[in-house]
Amino acid sequence: MDYQDEYNEMMKENFSNQQNFKYIIVAVVAFVLGFGAAWLSFKNQNSVLTDGKDSDKVEIVVKTNDEKITDDTKTKANKPIEVSASDFSLKVSNQAPGKTVFVDDVKSDRTVWVVIMENFNGVKGNILGAGLFEEGQNAGLVELLRGTVEGGSYYALIYAEDSNLTQDRVFNTDFDLPLVASNGGLVEVMFQTSSTPEGE
């Protein structure tokens, strides 16, 4: 093998090594990006919303799963809180679908959550969002983790803020429990979504 052949062989080997190094770099970058995406996806399973107030932010932690719940559902360590029906009321009208739900009126003698849930033929499904409403009589918006859809049917319920524990203004399904009226029913209303105004 002469000098030129040896030089050509050496150049081929260098080129091959450079190509292998590029493949390794691409593989490492792809792994890091994939790991980062998986971590973000896992982190977002317990989604967080804020109510937009800079001075008094409301953090909402909603655990999402496909388990259906019924009116007599109990949490791990607590049960729904019984209240006088005359002290609490809730009104949510039928409205257009979207990422928010307008609550016409909430009357309560304490700070409460208005929780929006899916309706599966009369059975409550996943929680879509929750909004904090102060004591008194209020109206406002509830921001949703997943928007309502055309022709859908949904529940709005009143939940206590931390079930008379220290109020942290964070909605957590382990501690914030539904209010039950003295007649045994949940403080709730059902509403529907349609982009066509009623009467048309």
Protein backbone atom coordinates (compact mmCIF):
# COMPACT_ATOMS: atom_id res chain seq x y z
CA MET A 1 0.00 0.00 0.00
CA ASP A 2 1.55 3.28 -1.02
CA TYR A 3 1.34 6.62 0.76
CA GLN A 4 -1.70 7.82 -1.22
CA ASP A 5 -3.68 4.63 -0.42
CA GLU A 6 -2.76 4.90 3.25
CA TYR A 7 -3.82 8.54 3.31
CA ASN A 8 -7.16 7.72 1.62
CA GLU A 9 -7.80 4.90 4.10
CA MET A 10 -7.06 7.21 7.01
CA MET A 11 -9.42 9.87 5.64
CA LYS A 12 -12.22 7.29 5.24
CA GLU A 13 -11.75 6.18 8.84
CA ASN A 14 -11.83 9.81 10.09
CA PHE A 15 -14.98 10.50 8.07
CA SER A 16 -16.61 7.34 9.47
CA ASN A 17 -15.69 8.35 13.04
CA GLN A 18 -17.14 11.83 12.48
CA GLN A 19 -20.39 10.32 11.16
CA ASN A 20 -20.64 7.99 14.19
CA PHE A 21 -20.05 10.93 16.52
CA LYS A 22 -22.86 12.89 14.80
CA TYR A 23 -25.23 9.93 15.22
CA ILE A 24 -24.37 9.72 18.93
CA ILE A 25 -25.04 13.45 19.39
CA VAL A 26 -28.39 13.19 17.57
CA ALA A 27 -29.36 10.17 19.72
CA VAL A 28 -28.45 11.98 22.96
CA VAL A 29 -30.40 15.11 21.96
CA ALA A 30 -33.44 13.00 20.97
CA PHE A 31 -33.29 11.18 24.32
CA VAL A 32 -33.08 14.44 26.28
CA LEU A 33 -36.00 15.96 24.35
CA GLY A 34 -38.10 12.81 24.78
CA PHE A 35 -37.34 12.66 28.50
CA GLY A 36 -38.19 16.36 28.88
CA ALA A 37 -41.51 15.95 27.06
CA ALA A 38 -42.42 12.94 29.20
CA TRP A 39 -41.54 14.84 32.37
CA LEU A 40 -43.67 17.83 31.36
CA SER A 41 -46.58 15.53 30.50
CA PHE A 42 -46.32 13.82 33.90
CA LYS A 43 -46.02 17.14 35.69
CA ASN A 44 -49.17 18.48 33.99
CA GLN A 45 -51.35 15.56 35.12
CA ASN A 46 -52.15 17.58 38.22
CA SER A 47 -52.99 20.75 36.32
CA VAL A 48 -52.86 24.19 37.86
CA LEU A 49 -55.03 27.20 37.03
CA THR A 50 -55.06 30.70 38.45
CA ASP A 51 -57.93 33.13 38.65
CA GLY A 52 -55.88 35.97 37.14
CA LYS A 53 -55.60 38.10 40.31
CA ASP A 54 -52.00 39.21 40.81
CA SER A 55 -52.30 39.95 44.51
CA ASP A 56 -54.37 36.94 45.55
CA LYS A 57 -53.77 34.04 43.19
CA VAL A 58 -55.98 30.98 43.37
CA GLU A 59 -54.27 27.70 42.63
CA ILE A 60 -56.45 24.80 41.52
CA VAL A 61 -55.19 21.24 41.73
CA VAL A 62 -57.59 18.86 40.02
CA LYS A 63 -56.91 15.15 39.87
CA THR A 64 -58.25 13.81 36.59
CA ASN A 65 -59.21 10.20 36.07
CA ASP A 66 -61.91 8.22 34.34
CA GLU A 67 -63.59 7.02 37.54
CA LYS A 68 -67.26 8.00 37.67
CA ILE A 69 -68.60 9.30 40.98
CA THR A 70 -72.08 9.30 42.41
CA ASP A 71 -73.90 11.54 44.89
CA ASP A 72 -72.80 9.41 47.86
CA THR A 73 -69.11 9.47 46.93
CA LYS A 74 -66.76 9.84 49.89
CA THR A 75 -63.10 10.85 49.83
CA LYS A 76 -60.32 8.90 51.47
CA ALA A 77 -60.78 10.37 54.95
CA ASN A 78 -63.76 12.68 54.77
CA LYS A 79 -67.41 12.78 53.82
CA PRO A 80 -69.52 15.54 52.26
CA ILE A 81 -70.45 18.44 54.55
CA GLU A 82 -74.10 18.89 55.47
CA VAL A 83 -75.41 22.45 55.28
CA SER A 84 -78.72 24.27 55.47
CA ALA A 85 -80.18 24.52 51.97
CA SER A 86 -81.41 28.06 52.66
CA ASP A 87 -77.83 29.30 53.20
CA PHE A 88 -76.57 28.14 49.80
CA SER A 89 -77.82 28.47 46.25
CA LEU A 90 -76.34 28.12 42.79
CA LYS A 91 -77.54 29.19 39.35
CA VAL A 92 -75.81 28.35 36.06
CA SER A 93 -77.70 28.95 32.80
CA ASN A 94 -77.34 27.04 29.56
CA GLN A 95 -74.52 28.63 27.57
CA ALA A 96 -72.16 28.35 24.62
CA PRO A 97 -69.39 25.76 24.84
CA GLY A 98 -65.85 26.88 25.63
CA LYS A 99 -62.97 27.01 28.11
CA THR A 100 -64.96 28.90 30.75
CA VAL A 101 -68.34 28.49 32.43
CA PHE A 102 -70.29 31.58 33.50
CA VAL A 103 -71.90 31.19 36.92
CA ASP A 104 -74.98 33.44 37.18
CA ASP A 105 -75.25 33.38 40.96
CA VAL A 106 -73.62 31.75 43.99
CA LYS A 107 -75.02 32.41 47.45
CA SER A 108 -73.05 31.08 50.42
CA ASP A 109 -72.21 31.87 54.01
CA ARG A 110 -68.54 30.96 53.49
CA THR A 111 -65.88 30.86 50.79
CA VAL A 112 -66.72 28.00 48.42
CA TRP A 113 -65.66 26.37 45.18
CA VAL A 114 -67.97 26.03 42.20
CA VAL A 115 -66.89 22.79 40.52
CA ILE A 116 -67.80 21.88 36.93
CA MET A 117 -68.13 18.17 36.17
CA GLU A 118 -68.98 16.05 33.16
CA ASN A 119 -72.44 14.44 32.98
CA PHE A 120 -72.57 10.86 31.70
CA ASN A 121 -76.31 10.13 31.50
CA GLY A 122 -76.92 11.38 35.03
CA VAL A 123 -73.64 10.08 36.47
CA LYS A 124 -70.94 12.59 37.41
CA GLY A 125 -67.66 12.17 35.58
CA ASN A 126 -64.35 14.03 35.49
CA ILE A 127 -63.89 17.44 37.07
CA LEU A 128 -63.26 19.99 34.32
CA GLY A 129 -62.45 22.98 36.53
CA ALA A 130 -63.15 24.82 39.77
CA GLY A 131 -63.51 28.48 40.68
CA LEU A 132 -63.29 30.11 44.11
CA PHE A 133 -66.22 32.32 45.17
CA GLU A 134 -66.13 34.45 48.31
CA GLU A 135 -68.77 34.51 51.03
CA GLY A 136 -71.97 36.32 50.06
CA GLN A 137 -73.73 36.52 46.72
CA ASN A 138 -71.52 36.44 43.64
CA ALA A 139 -71.38 35.79 39.92
CA GLY A 140 -68.30 34.95 37.90
CA LEU A 141 -66.36 32.66 35.61
CA VAL A 142 -64.91 29.20 36.20
CA GLU A 143 -61.88 28.45 34.04
CA LEU A 144 -61.74 24.87 32.77
CA LEU A 145 -58.86 22.47 32.30
CA ARG A 146 -60.75 21.00 29.32
CA GLY A 147 -63.46 22.97 27.56
CA THR A 148 -67.13 22.06 27.27
CA VAL A 149 -68.39 20.84 23.88
CA GLU A 150 -71.36 21.55 21.64
CA GLY A 151 -74.51 19.79 22.86
CA GLY A 152 -72.90 18.71 26.13
CA SER A 153 -74.52 18.39 29.54
CA TYR A 154 -72.64 19.29 32.72
CA TYR A 155 -72.99 19.61 36.48
CA ALA A 156 -72.04 22.60 38.61
CA LEU A 157 -71.63 21.81 42.32
CA ILE A 158 -70.66 23.76 45.42
CA TYR A 159 -67.68 22.40 47.36
CA ALA A 160 -66.37 23.70 50.68
CA GLU A 161 -62.95 25.35 50.77
CA ASP A 162 -60.80 22.89 52.76
CA SER A 163 -63.84 21.50 54.55
CA ASN A 164 -63.48 23.86 57.52
CA LEU A 165 -59.73 23.19 57.80
CA THR A 166 -57.19 25.96 57.32
CA GLN A 167 -58.17 27.62 54.06
CA ASP A 168 -55.33 27.49 51.55
CA ARG A 169 -57.32 28.58 48.47
CA VAL A 170 -56.15 25.48 46.58
CA PHE A 171 -58.80 23.13 45.20
CA ASN A 172 -57.84 19.58 46.12
CA THR A 173 -60.29 16.69 45.79
CA ASP A 174 -58.88 15.03 48.93
CA PHE A 175 -59.81 17.94 51.22
CA ASP A 176 -62.38 20.13 49.47
CA LEU A 177 -65.66 18.27 49.70
CA PRO A 178 -69.14 18.74 48.23
CA LEU A 179 -71.83 20.44 50.28
CA VAL A 180 -74.94 18.38 51.00
CA ALA A 181 -78.26 20.11 51.74
CA SER A 182 -80.32 19.06 54.75
CA ASN A 183 -82.60 17.08 52.41
CA GLY A 184 -79.65 14.84 51.53
CA GLY A 185 -78.99 16.15 48.00
CA LEU A 186 -75.85 17.83 46.78
CA VAL A 187 -75.94 21.60 46.20
CA GLU A 188 -75.80 21.35 42.41
CA VAL A 189 -77.37 22.35 39.11
CA MET A 190 -77.23 20.86 35.63
CA PHE A 191 -76.70 22.94 32.50
CA GLN A 192 -76.22 22.35 28.79
CA THR A 193 -73.98 23.88 26.15
CA SER A 194 -75.03 25.03 22.70
CA SER A 195 -73.71 27.70 20.35
CA THR A 196 -77.29 28.27 19.13
CA PRO A 197 -79.24 30.70 21.33
CA GLU A 198 -82.34 29.24 22.96
CA GLY A 199 -85.54 29.78 20.99
CA GLU A 200 -83.90 29.65 17.56
